[in-house]
Amino acid sequence: MSREISVLIVDDSAFMRKSLSIMLESDPEISIIGTARNGKEGFELALKLHPDLITLDIEMPVMDGLTALKKIMSDCPTSVIMVSSLTSEGADSTIKAMELGAVDFIPKELSFISMNITKMKEDLIHKVKEITRQKILRERLNKVRAFGENRSAVPRIARINQDFPKHIYRAVALGISTGGPLTLQKILPVLSDKITIPIFIVQHMPPKFTKSLAERLDGLSKLEVKEAEEGERVRGGVIYIAPGGSHLKLKSLSDKSVAINVTSEPSDTLHRPSVDVMLSSVLEVYGKQTLGVIMTGMGKDGYEGIKALKGLGGYSIAQDEESCVVYGMPKAIVDGGLADQILPVERIPEIINKVV
């Protein structure tokens, strides 16, 4: 990225403000243009400074983070990363923040107490860069459309086959990460209540957060949405979300039914839950009759699983670049020639309803 990324930090803790500043400014492409001690100050600085991105604490005096987020999204829409505590209350507030427009979050404890602080710093910097890059892309595209400028600025056009290959599907396996909660809120409520096969989802999140996410999505969707539980029998028409901090696997039982296996193994994966681990297990049970869907997120988790699915003769969908919060996981699928369709977010549930 050629230009400097401006960041505003809003947190009532001086230690947190300093720590985040040191982390982010260790990268020469990122500049901290302001810090605020509460949501009111943060909102006022957002209006005045127009940062590219804001990190926003949830619990603060004077004005809390959720109230500030609502005002920011209303008066000066900006990319926001929430700073969340790893508690049930923190998880509920974070999911609410995603609904209000925050694009991602970082867990407060992991960022500054964990021995893994170097990796957390790298992840935070990567998130800030990728989220900002995607925002710049969308702004450029909107400008192109508004003023009819150079069409070469437009990225790869979505590939939409009106006649999706005829196929019998017995399961849907969906992988998603950065920007996922808000994206799932756009996707799952649109899925038809006539779907009679199970849907398995891996959303990269810590423990507690996935339960709050599942409960919120269940209240919005026609289909049942739940956090997957160890040993439960898989039912058709149910959406299972992998528990944060654990892998979601399946196991075939002697009576030909399928059960959920929640496990910490393998323990050496970059993500837990892992899209690749989930896909690999789903393929063992449902084979090429699995529909693979890869959506917004950093990295390439899901690539190996979709590659295996394609090797069996199955089909997959990738979210298009323009509608992603971060075009990483789908990009790996598209660049690898593994996507049968490349779709904007609003078309994905439409196609799932049609073929499933």
Foldseek 3Di string as FASTA:
>chain_A
DPAAAEEEEEALDPVVVVLLQVLQVVDVRYDHPYYYNALVRVLVCCVVPVGQEYEAEADGPPHGRQRSLLSCCVPPDHAYEYEFAPDLVRLLVVLVSLQSPHFYYDYNCCCPPDPCNVVVSVVVNVLSVQLSVLVVLLVVVVVCVVPVPDPVSHDDDWFDDVCDDAAAAQEEEEEEEGSPLNLCLLFAQLADLPFFHEYEYEYFDAASNVQSSQVVSCVRHSFRGGAADAFDWDGTRYYYYHGHQWEWAWDQDPVRTITIHTHCPPVPDPTHHFSQRHLVRVCVNGNQSYEYEYEADAAAGNLVSLVRSVVSVHAYEYEASNQHSGPHNSVSCVVVVRHPTHYHSNCVSVVVNVND
